[in-house]
């Protein structure tokens, strides 16, 4: 982790604070995950996947797969996560973020505590949105079964992997939530709990941004909450990037459009989806 702004004047010899995830780990998480996405994109550009699983039943009309509450939650969460990532990156690596802040004409070094406060506010907002999402999908829509990983997800993932490595020409039909999407949702819950606990602890008991750099080690406890917070935070960023990548793929664009208008056309459903998995919201 680089120096917080109040330490920037101490010179080159004090470039890093003695706690927080090393940059090779933090940026390594993003780099390795991005490399995987690049390999996936390169592979699918030359050998696109085609669904050849026969339909269990055909849809006779356009299906509503996301209601207004789900769509509002999705886009509000995306906006809040973007602000969490921006403020979190400014806190983690302010010397790298400074050129961006200067280009945008926004203060950084003179308003560092404001970024901490903004990060906390947006994080709390995300927790509220996540709670609404879980309550709505589980209580109102009875969608817990669809959100929980199943044996079918394992079979689909194995078949997609075999297809990706040219070991099979078969490719399964798509469900509303595939294994990656379900894993993403589960990680949101787990990482949110870890990030909330470590973030709250830092805010009240180990607020390193309020002390000089050479005192950071004195307020950082033995279990290193800042390191844990950084690792889970960059893991979350990597999965958000992956979520955006897969959402923009041509094969997933019907679901992306459904996140705007709520529906998937019956022709798209019959071509590549399992209609029984899309019934209702």
C-alpha atoms as a PDB file:
ATOM      1  CA  UNK A   1       0.000   0.000   0.000  1.00  0.00           C
ATOM      2  CA  UNK A   2       1.349   3.394  -0.906  1.00  0.00           C
ATOM      3  CA  UNK A   3       1.644   6.371   1.351  1.00  0.00           C
ATOM      4  CA  UNK A   4      -1.466   8.179   2.465  1.00  0.00           C
ATOM      5  CA  UNK A   5      -1.362  11.825   1.425  1.00  0.00           C
ATOM      6  CA  UNK A   6      -0.208  13.247   4.742  1.00  0.00           C
ATOM      7  CA  UNK A   7       2.978  11.177   4.368  1.00  0.00           C
ATOM      8  CA  UNK A   8       3.697  12.059   0.770  1.00  0.00           C
ATOM      9  CA  UNK A   9       6.059  14.839   1.749  1.00  0.00           C
ATOM     10  CA  UNK A  10       8.371  12.434   3.564  1.00  0.00           C
ATOM     11  CA  UNK A  11      10.158  11.501   0.350  1.00  0.00           C
ATOM     12  CA  UNK A  12      11.097   8.453  -1.627  1.00  0.00           C
ATOM     13  CA  UNK A  13      12.419   6.484   1.302  1.00  0.00           C
ATOM     14  CA  UNK A  14       8.970   6.167   2.827  1.00  0.00           C
ATOM     15  CA  UNK A  15       7.071   5.099  -0.240  1.00  0.00           C
ATOM     16  CA  UNK A  16       5.179   2.196   1.302  1.00  0.00           C
ATOM     17  CA  UNK A  17       3.320   1.794   4.577  1.00  0.00           C
ATOM     18  CA  UNK A  18       4.118  -1.339   6.646  1.00  0.00           C
ATOM     19  CA  UNK A  19       0.715  -2.970   6.257  1.00  0.00           C
ATOM     20  CA  UNK A  20      -1.896  -3.703   3.623  1.00  0.00           C
ATOM     21  CA  UNK A  21      -1.759  -6.208   0.777  1.00  0.00           C
ATOM     22  CA  UNK A  22       1.440  -5.896  -1.298  1.00  0.00           C
ATOM     23  CA  UNK A  23       0.806  -4.460  -4.733  1.00  0.00           C
ATOM     24  CA  UNK A  24       2.110  -7.612  -6.417  1.00  0.00           C
ATOM     25  CA  UNK A  25      -0.742  -9.526  -4.760  1.00  0.00           C
ATOM     26  CA  UNK A  26      -3.450  -6.891  -5.217  1.00  0.00           C
ATOM     27  CA  UNK A  27      -2.676  -6.130  -8.841  1.00  0.00           C
ATOM     28  CA  UNK A  28      -1.695  -9.748  -9.435  1.00  0.00           C
ATOM     29  CA  UNK A  29      -5.276 -10.790  -8.665  1.00  0.00           C
ATOM     30  CA  UNK A  30      -6.554  -8.395 -11.323  1.00  0.00           C
ATOM     31  CA  UNK A  31      -3.819  -9.339 -13.788  1.00  0.00           C
ATOM     32  CA  UNK A  32      -4.353 -13.100 -13.573  1.00  0.00           C
ATOM     33  CA  UNK A  33      -8.124 -12.766 -13.779  1.00  0.00           C
ATOM     34  CA  UNK A  34      -7.863 -10.394 -16.748  1.00  0.00           C
ATOM     35  CA  UNK A  35      -5.491 -12.811 -18.477  1.00  0.00           C
ATOM     36  CA  UNK A  36      -8.090 -15.547 -18.089  1.00  0.00           C
ATOM     37  CA  UNK A  37     -10.755 -13.323 -19.646  1.00  0.00           C
ATOM     38  CA  UNK A  38      -8.449 -12.454 -22.552  1.00  0.00           C
ATOM     39  CA  UNK A  39      -7.792 -16.143 -23.183  1.00  0.00           C
ATOM     40  CA  UNK A  40     -11.516 -16.872 -23.054  1.00  0.00           C
ATOM     41  CA  UNK A  41     -12.287 -14.036 -25.479  1.00  0.00           C
ATOM     42  CA  UNK A  42      -9.543 -15.138 -27.889  1.00  0.00           C
ATOM     43  CA  UNK A  43     -10.771 -18.708 -27.839  1.00  0.00           C
ATOM     44  CA  UNK A  44     -14.429 -17.793 -28.424  1.00  0.00           C
ATOM     45  CA  UNK A  45     -13.601 -15.361 -31.222  1.00  0.00           C
ATOM     46  CA  UNK A  46     -12.205 -18.213 -33.325  1.00  0.00           C
ATOM     47  CA  UNK A  47     -14.419 -21.038 -32.036  1.00  0.00           C
ATOM     48  CA  UNK A  48     -17.766 -19.673 -30.858  1.00  0.00           C
ATOM     49  CA  UNK A  49     -19.993 -21.966 -28.851  1.00  0.00           C
ATOM     50  CA  UNK A  50     -23.358 -23.072 -30.249  1.00  0.00           C
ATOM     51  CA  UNK A  51     -26.118 -24.475 -28.079  1.00  0.00           C
ATOM     52  CA  UNK A  52     -27.145 -27.917 -29.309  1.00  0.00           C
ATOM     53  CA  UNK A  53     -29.045 -29.277 -26.304  1.00  0.00           C
ATOM     54  CA  UNK A  54     -32.635 -30.047 -27.365  1.00  0.00           C
ATOM     55  CA  UNK A  55     -35.334 -27.971 -25.647  1.00  0.00           C
ATOM     56  CA  UNK A  56     -37.315 -29.506 -22.797  1.00  0.00           C
ATOM     57  CA  UNK A  57     -40.278 -27.321 -23.679  1.00  0.00           C
ATOM     58  CA  UNK A  58     -40.825 -24.453 -26.076  1.00  0.00           C
ATOM     59  CA  UNK A  59     -41.886 -20.984 -24.997  1.00  0.00           C
ATOM     60  CA  UNK A  60     -45.054 -19.664 -26.607  1.00  0.00           C
ATOM     61  CA  UNK A  61     -44.548 -16.028 -25.598  1.00  0.00           C
ATOM     62  CA  UNK A  62     -41.874 -13.610 -24.446  1.00  0.00           C
ATOM     63  CA  UNK A  63     -40.823 -14.343 -20.873  1.00  0.00           C
ATOM     64  CA  UNK A  64     -40.359 -11.817 -18.081  1.00  0.00           C
ATOM     65  CA  UNK A  65     -37.162 -12.789 -16.273  1.00  0.00           C
ATOM     66  CA  UNK A  66     -36.405  -9.668 -14.205  1.00  0.00           C
ATOM     67  CA  UNK A  67     -39.030  -7.514 -12.522  1.00  0.00           C
ATOM     68  CA  UNK A  68     -38.655  -3.799 -11.818  1.00  0.00           C
ATOM     69  CA  UNK A  69     -37.228  -4.285  -8.336  1.00  0.00           C
ATOM     70  CA  UNK A  70     -34.545  -6.653  -9.630  1.00  0.00           C
ATOM     71  CA  UNK A  71     -33.608  -4.295 -12.455  1.00  0.00           C
ATOM     72  CA  UNK A  72     -33.484  -1.274 -10.164  1.00  0.00           C
ATOM     73  CA  UNK A  73     -31.342  -3.199  -7.691  1.00  0.00           C
ATOM     74  CA  UNK A  74     -28.949  -4.324 -10.425  1.00  0.00           C
ATOM     75  CA  UNK A  75     -28.204  -0.873 -11.839  1.00  0.00           C
ATOM     76  CA  UNK A  76     -28.165   0.835  -8.441  1.00  0.00           C
ATOM     77  CA  UNK A  77     -25.727  -1.797  -7.196  1.00  0.00           C
ATOM     78  CA  UNK A  78     -23.505  -1.308 -10.240  1.00  0.00           C
ATOM     79  CA  UNK A  79     -23.357   2.453  -9.601  1.00  0.00           C
ATOM     80  CA  UNK A  80     -22.620   1.978  -5.892  1.00  0.00           C
ATOM     81  CA  UNK A  81     -19.955  -0.666  -6.574  1.00  0.00           C
ATOM     82  CA  UNK A  82     -18.285   1.680  -9.056  1.00  0.00           C
ATOM     83  CA  UNK A  83     -18.014   4.356  -6.369  1.00  0.00           C
ATOM     84  CA  UNK A  84     -16.753   1.829  -3.810  1.00  0.00           C
ATOM     85  CA  UNK A  85     -14.042   0.728  -6.250  1.00  0.00           C
ATOM     86  CA  UNK A  86     -13.040   4.300  -7.134  1.00  0.00           C
ATOM     87  CA  UNK A  87     -12.802   5.490  -3.524  1.00  0.00           C
ATOM     88  CA  UNK A  88     -11.184   2.215  -2.443  1.00  0.00           C
ATOM     89  CA  UNK A  89      -8.519   2.483  -5.130  1.00  0.00           C
ATOM     90  CA  UNK A  90      -7.801   6.074  -4.070  1.00  0.00           C
ATOM     91  CA  UNK A  91      -7.291   4.836  -0.499  1.00  0.00           C
ATOM     92  CA  UNK A  92      -5.199   1.840  -1.484  1.00  0.00           C
ATOM     93  CA  UNK A  93      -2.897   3.537  -3.977  1.00  0.00           C
ATOM     94  CA  UNK A  94      -3.232   7.348  -3.752  1.00  0.00           C
ATOM     95  CA  UNK A  95       0.036   8.121  -5.558  1.00  0.00           C
ATOM     96  CA  UNK A  96      -1.220   6.210  -8.632  1.00  0.00           C
ATOM     97  CA  UNK A  97      -4.716   7.687  -8.338  1.00  0.00           C
ATOM     98  CA  UNK A  98      -3.412  11.269  -8.017  1.00  0.00           C
ATOM     99  CA  UNK A  99      -2.978  11.843 -11.805  1.00  0.00           C
ATOM    100  CA  UNK A 100      -6.576  10.705 -12.328  1.00  0.00           C
ATOM    101  CA  UNK A 101      -7.817  13.024  -9.593  1.00  0.00           C
ATOM    102  CA  UNK A 102      -5.802  15.913 -11.036  1.00  0.00           C
ATOM    103  CA  UNK A 103      -7.148  15.274 -14.528  1.00  0.00           C
ATOM    104  CA  UNK A 104     -10.706  15.285 -13.190  1.00  0.00           C
ATOM    105  CA  UNK A 105     -10.033  18.382 -11.113  1.00  0.00           C
ATOM    106  CA  UNK A 106     -11.029  16.742  -7.827  1.00  0.00           C
ATOM    107  CA  UNK A 107      -8.999  16.998  -4.605  1.00  0.00           C
ATOM    108  CA  UNK A 108      -7.190  13.954  -3.238  1.00  0.00           C
ATOM    109  CA  UNK A 109      -4.337  14.718  -0.877  1.00  0.00           C
ATOM    110  CA  UNK A 110      -6.148  17.608   0.784  1.00  0.00           C
ATOM    111  CA  UNK A 111      -9.375  15.603   1.177  1.00  0.00           C
ATOM    112  CA  UNK A 112      -8.168  12.100   2.022  1.00  0.00           C
ATOM    113  CA  UNK A 113     -10.514  11.635   5.034  1.00  0.00           C
ATOM    114  CA  UNK A 114     -13.408  12.555   2.742  1.00  0.00           C
ATOM    115  CA  UNK A 115     -12.593   9.533   0.574  1.00  0.00           C
ATOM    116  CA  UNK A 116     -12.689   7.355   3.682  1.00  0.00           C
ATOM    117  CA  UNK A 117     -16.105   8.744   4.582  1.00  0.00           C
ATOM    118  CA  UNK A 118     -17.392   8.349   1.019  1.00  0.00           C
ATOM    119  CA  UNK A 119     -16.073   4.774   0.920  1.00  0.00           C
ATOM    120  CA  UNK A 120     -17.929   3.992   4.152  1.00  0.00           C
ATOM    121  CA  UNK A 121     -21.174   5.595   2.944  1.00  0.00           C
ATOM    122  CA  UNK A 122     -21.161   3.766  -0.388  1.00  0.00           C
ATOM    123  CA  UNK A 123     -20.244   0.503   1.363  1.00  0.00           C
ATOM    124  CA  UNK A 124     -23.181   0.907   3.748  1.00  0.00           C
ATOM    125  CA  UNK A 125     -25.432   1.654   0.769  1.00  0.00           C
ATOM    126  CA  UNK A 126     -24.241  -1.531  -0.908  1.00  0.00           C
ATOM    127  CA  UNK A 127     -25.010  -3.547   2.233  1.00  0.00           C
ATOM    128  CA  UNK A 128     -28.561  -2.149   2.251  1.00  0.00           C
ATOM    129  CA  UNK A 129     -29.020  -2.959  -1.454  1.00  0.00           C
ATOM    130  CA  UNK A 130     -27.678  -6.471  -0.971  1.00  0.00           C
ATOM    131  CA  UNK A 131     -30.081  -7.012   1.918  1.00  0.00           C
ATOM    132  CA  UNK A 132     -33.014  -5.840  -0.214  1.00  0.00           C
ATOM    133  CA  UNK A 133     -31.898  -8.114  -3.047  1.00  0.00           C
ATOM    134  CA  UNK A 134     -31.712 -11.206  -0.826  1.00  0.00           C
ATOM    135  CA  UNK A 135     -35.001 -10.429   0.900  1.00  0.00           C
ATOM    136  CA  UNK A 136     -36.823  -9.770  -2.385  1.00  0.00           C
ATOM    137  CA  UNK A 137     -35.534 -12.814  -4.254  1.00  0.00           C
ATOM    138  CA  UNK A 138     -35.899 -15.221  -1.345  1.00  0.00           C
ATOM    139  CA  UNK A 139     -39.032 -13.965   0.405  1.00  0.00           C
ATOM    140  CA  UNK A 140     -41.051 -12.475  -2.446  1.00  0.00           C
ATOM    141  CA  UNK A 141     -39.943 -14.452  -5.488  1.00  0.00           C
ATOM    142  CA  UNK A 142     -39.049 -17.753  -3.769  1.00  0.00           C
ATOM    143  CA  UNK A 143     -35.898 -17.878  -5.890  1.00  0.00           C
ATOM    144  CA  UNK A 144     -33.493 -19.487  -3.405  1.00  0.00           C
ATOM    145  CA  UNK A 145     -33.410 -22.731  -5.406  1.00  0.00           C
ATOM    146  CA  UNK A 146     -32.386 -20.869  -8.545  1.00  0.00           C
ATOM    147  CA  UNK A 147     -29.625 -18.981  -6.745  1.00  0.00           C
ATOM    148  CA  UNK A 148     -28.067 -22.004  -5.033  1.00  0.00           C
ATOM    149  CA  UNK A 149     -25.423 -24.098  -6.896  1.00  0.00           C
ATOM    150  CA  UNK A 150     -26.728 -27.461  -8.024  1.00  0.00           C
ATOM    151  CA  UNK A 151     -25.554 -30.688  -9.598  1.00  0.00           C
ATOM    152  CA  UNK A 152     -26.889 -29.405 -12.935  1.00  0.00           C
ATOM    153  CA  UNK A 153     -24.537 -26.420 -12.692  1.00  0.00           C
ATOM    154  CA  UNK A 154     -21.632 -28.815 -12.197  1.00  0.00           C
ATOM    155  CA  UNK A 155     -22.654 -30.843 -15.241  1.00  0.00           C
ATOM    156  CA  UNK A 156     -23.087 -27.703 -17.350  1.00  0.00           C
ATOM    157  CA  UNK A 157     -19.751 -26.311 -16.213  1.00  0.00           C
ATOM    158  CA  UNK A 158     -17.991 -29.582 -17.013  1.00  0.00           C
ATOM    159  CA  UNK A 159     -19.579 -29.714 -20.469  1.00  0.00           C
ATOM    160  CA  UNK A 160     -18.699 -26.075 -21.194  1.00  0.00           C
ATOM    161  CA  UNK A 161     -15.133 -26.747 -20.107  1.00  0.00           C
ATOM    162  CA  UNK A 162     -14.890 -29.769 -22.408  1.00  0.00           C
ATOM    163  CA  UNK A 163     -16.299 -27.684 -25.257  1.00  0.00           C
ATOM    164  CA  UNK A 164     -13.858 -24.860 -24.541  1.00  0.00           C
ATOM    165  CA  UNK A 165     -10.891 -27.242 -24.784  1.00  0.00           C
ATOM    166  CA  UNK A 166     -12.285 -28.937 -27.933  1.00  0.00           C
ATOM    167  CA  UNK A 167     -13.001 -32.160 -26.074  1.00  0.00           C
ATOM    168  CA  UNK A 168     -16.694 -32.061 -26.963  1.00  0.00           C
ATOM    169  CA  UNK A 169     -18.940 -30.380 -29.508  1.00  0.00           C
ATOM    170  CA  UNK A 170     -21.892 -30.390 -27.163  1.00  0.00           C
ATOM    171  CA  UNK A 171     -22.906 -27.193 -25.392  1.00  0.00           C
ATOM    172  CA  UNK A 172     -25.704 -26.918 -22.824  1.00  0.00           C
ATOM    173  CA  UNK A 173     -28.672 -24.598 -22.845  1.00  0.00           C
ATOM    174  CA  UNK A 174     -28.441 -21.592 -20.581  1.00  0.00           C
ATOM    175  CA  UNK A 175     -30.301 -21.003 -17.334  1.00  0.00           C
ATOM    176  CA  UNK A 176     -31.170 -17.660 -15.826  1.00  0.00           C
ATOM    177  CA  UNK A 177     -28.288 -18.075 -13.363  1.00  0.00           C
ATOM    178  CA  UNK A 178     -25.332 -20.219 -14.406  1.00  0.00           C
ATOM    179  CA  UNK A 179     -22.538 -21.492 -12.171  1.00  0.00           C
ATOM    180  CA  UNK A 180     -20.489 -18.308 -12.585  1.00  0.00           C
ATOM    181  CA  UNK A 181     -23.443 -16.073 -11.736  1.00  0.00           C
ATOM    182  CA  UNK A 182     -24.330 -18.144  -8.683  1.00  0.00           C
ATOM    183  CA  UNK A 183     -20.718 -18.118  -7.527  1.00  0.00           C
ATOM    184  CA  UNK A 184     -20.620 -14.365  -8.055  1.00  0.00           C
ATOM    185  CA  UNK A 185     -23.700 -13.897  -5.877  1.00  0.00           C
ATOM    186  CA  UNK A 186     -22.282 -16.127  -3.148  1.00  0.00           C
ATOM    187  CA  UNK A 187     -18.966 -14.261  -3.215  1.00  0.00           C
ATOM    188  CA  UNK A 188     -20.841 -10.968  -2.934  1.00  0.00           C
ATOM    189  CA  UNK A 189     -22.370 -12.170   0.315  1.00  0.00           C
ATOM    190  CA  UNK A 190     -19.164 -13.686   1.746  1.00  0.00           C
ATOM    191  CA  UNK A 191     -16.889 -10.841   0.690  1.00  0.00           C
ATOM    192  CA  UNK A 192     -19.386  -8.237   1.896  1.00  0.00           C
ATOM    193  CA  UNK A 193     -19.356  -9.810   5.354  1.00  0.00           C
ATOM    194  CA  UNK A 194     -15.534  -9.956   5.446  1.00  0.00           C
ATOM    195  CA  UNK A 195     -15.108  -6.452   4.018  1.00  0.00           C
ATOM    196  CA  UNK A 196     -17.704  -5.036   6.407  1.00  0.00           C
ATOM    197  CA  UNK A 197     -16.057  -6.596   9.467  1.00  0.00           C
ATOM    198  CA  UNK A 198     -12.500  -5.606   8.547  1.00  0.00           C
ATOM    199  CA  UNK A 199     -13.612  -2.174   7.348  1.00  0.00           C
ATOM    200  CA  UNK A 200     -15.538  -1.412  10.540  1.00  0.00           C
ATOM    201  CA  UNK A 201     -12.585  -2.565  12.623  1.00  0.00           C
ATOM    202  CA  UNK A 202     -10.214  -0.280  10.733  1.00  0.00           C
ATOM    203  CA  UNK A 203     -12.575   2.669  10.960  1.00  0.00           C
ATOM    204  CA  UNK A 204     -12.973   2.488  14.735  1.00  0.00           C
ATOM    205  CA  UNK A 205      -9.825   0.758  15.998  1.00  0.00           C
ATOM    206  CA  UNK A 206      -7.055   0.934  13.377  1.00  0.00           C
ATOM    207  CA  UNK A 207      -7.620   4.090  11.343  1.00  0.00           C
ATOM    208  CA  UNK A 208      -4.176   4.172   9.741  1.00  0.00           C
ATOM    209  CA  UNK A 209      -5.046   7.249   7.642  1.00  0.00           C
ATOM    210  CA  UNK A 210      -5.061   9.375  10.813  1.00  0.00           C
ATOM    211  CA  UNK A 211      -1.488   8.613  11.897  1.00  0.00           C
ATOM    212  CA  UNK A 212       2.001   9.043  10.444  1.00  0.00           C
ATOM    213  CA  UNK A 213       3.301   6.225   8.298  1.00  0.00           C
ATOM    214  CA  UNK A 214       5.891   4.995  10.828  1.00  0.00           C
ATOM    215  CA  UNK A 215       3.122   4.531  13.436  1.00  0.00           C
ATOM    216  CA  UNK A 216       0.916   2.326  11.270  1.00  0.00           C
ATOM    217  CA  UNK A 217       2.436  -0.902  12.540  1.00  0.00           C
ATOM    218  CA  UNK A 218       1.551   0.110  16.106  1.00  0.00           C
ATOM    219  CA  UNK A 219      -2.173   0.298  15.411  1.00  0.00           C
ATOM    220  CA  UNK A 220      -2.395  -2.671  13.018  1.00  0.00           C
ATOM    221  CA  UNK A 221      -3.378  -5.826  14.974  1.00  0.00           C
ATOM    222  CA  UNK A 222      -1.669  -9.176  14.507  1.00  0.00           C
ATOM    223  CA  UNK A 223      -4.445 -10.567  12.260  1.00  0.00           C
ATOM    224  CA  UNK A 224      -3.846  -7.797   9.673  1.00  0.00           C
ATOM    225  CA  UNK A 225      -7.406  -6.639   8.847  1.00  0.00           C
ATOM    226  CA  UNK A 226      -6.054  -4.230   6.210  1.00  0.00           C
ATOM    227  CA  UNK A 227      -4.423  -7.071   4.276  1.00  0.00           C
ATOM    228  CA  UNK A 228      -7.603  -9.156   4.446  1.00  0.00           C
ATOM    229  CA  UNK A 229      -9.682  -6.153   3.403  1.00  0.00           C
ATOM    230  CA  UNK A 230      -7.439  -5.446   0.412  1.00  0.00           C
ATOM    231  CA  UNK A 231      -7.312  -9.065  -0.800  1.00  0.00           C
ATOM    232  CA  UNK A 232     -11.084  -9.546  -0.627  1.00  0.00           C
ATOM    233  CA  UNK A 233     -11.620  -6.102  -2.138  1.00  0.00           C
ATOM    234  CA  UNK A 234      -9.446  -6.794  -5.180  1.00  0.00           C
ATOM    235  CA  UNK A 235     -11.057 -10.220  -5.507  1.00  0.00           C
ATOM    236  CA  UNK A 236     -14.416  -8.463  -5.657  1.00  0.00           C
ATOM    237  CA  UNK A 237     -13.117  -6.035  -8.293  1.00  0.00           C
ATOM    238  CA  UNK A 238     -11.909  -8.964 -10.397  1.00  0.00           C
ATOM    239  CA  UNK A 239     -15.301 -10.659 -10.262  1.00  0.00           C
ATOM    240  CA  UNK A 240     -17.128  -7.419 -11.080  1.00  0.00           C
ATOM    241  CA  UNK A 241     -14.901  -7.076 -14.160  1.00  0.00           C
ATOM    242  CA  UNK A 242     -15.692 -10.694 -15.052  1.00  0.00           C
ATOM    243  CA  UNK A 243     -19.399 -10.073 -14.551  1.00  0.00           C
ATOM    244  CA  UNK A 244     -19.260  -7.111 -16.936  1.00  0.00           C
ATOM    245  CA  UNK A 245     -17.257  -9.113 -19.473  1.00  0.00           C
ATOM    246  CA  UNK A 246     -19.661 -12.060 -19.589  1.00  0.00           C
ATOM    247  CA  UNK A 247     -22.661  -9.736 -19.575  1.00  0.00           C
ATOM    248  CA  UNK A 248     -21.387  -8.023 -22.737  1.00  0.00           C
ATOM    249  CA  UNK A 249     -20.705 -11.242 -24.644  1.00  0.00           C
ATOM    250  CA  UNK A 250     -23.041 -11.728 -27.588  1.00  0.00           C
ATOM    251  CA  UNK A 251     -24.319 -15.017 -26.203  1.00  0.00           C
ATOM    252  CA  UNK A 252     -25.459 -13.250 -23.014  1.00  0.00           C
ATOM    253  CA  UNK A 253     -26.896 -10.101 -24.582  1.00  0.00           C
ATOM    254  CA  UNK A 254     -30.508 -11.313 -24.327  1.00  0.00           C
ATOM    255  CA  UNK A 255     -30.060 -11.374 -20.536  1.00  0.00           C
ATOM    256  CA  UNK A 256     -28.417  -7.948 -20.661  1.00  0.00           C
ATOM    257  CA  UNK A 257     -31.370  -6.542 -22.595  1.00  0.00           C
ATOM    258  CA  UNK A 258     -33.705  -8.250 -20.135  1.00  0.00           C
ATOM    259  CA  UNK A 259     -31.969  -6.352 -17.360  1.00  0.00           C
ATOM    260  CA  UNK A 260     -33.223  -3.205 -19.122  1.00  0.00           C
ATOM    261  CA  UNK A 261     -36.701  -4.150 -20.336  1.00  0.00           C
ATOM    262  CA  UNK A 262     -37.301  -7.242 -18.202  1.00  0.00           C
ATOM    263  CA  UNK A 263     -38.037  -9.708 -20.996  1.00  0.00           C
ATOM    264  CA  UNK A 264     -36.421 -12.265 -23.298  1.00  0.00           C
ATOM    265  CA  UNK A 265     -38.122 -12.938 -26.615  1.00  0.00           C
ATOM    266  CA  UNK A 266     -39.614 -16.369 -27.160  1.00  0.00           C
ATOM    267  CA  UNK A 267     -37.318 -16.926 -30.167  1.00  0.00           C
ATOM    268  CA  UNK A 268     -34.227 -16.365 -28.002  1.00  0.00           C
ATOM    269  CA  UNK A 269     -35.643 -18.584 -25.264  1.00  0.00           C
ATOM    270  CA  UNK A 270     -36.288 -21.436 -27.689  1.00  0.00           C
ATOM    271  CA  UNK A 271     -32.884 -21.000 -29.308  1.00  0.00           C
ATOM    272  CA  UNK A 272     -30.591 -21.138 -26.296  1.00  0.00           C
ATOM    273  CA  UNK A 273     -32.374 -21.106 -22.916  1.00  0.00           C
ATOM    274  CA  UNK A 274     -34.162 -23.563 -20.674  1.00  0.00           C
ATOM    275  CA  UNK A 275     -37.641 -22.126 -20.602  1.00  0.00           C
ATOM    276  CA  UNK A 276     -38.561 -23.855 -17.341  1.00  0.00           C
ATOM    277  CA  UNK A 277     -35.630 -22.070 -15.658  1.00  0.00           C
ATOM    278  CA  UNK A 278     -36.898 -18.693 -16.855  1.00  0.00           C
ATOM    279  CA  UNK A 279     -40.537 -19.038 -15.883  1.00  0.00           C
ATOM    280  CA  UNK A 280     -41.518 -16.205 -13.563  1.00  0.00           C
ATOM    281  CA  UNK A 281     -38.969 -13.833 -12.048  1.00  0.00           C
END
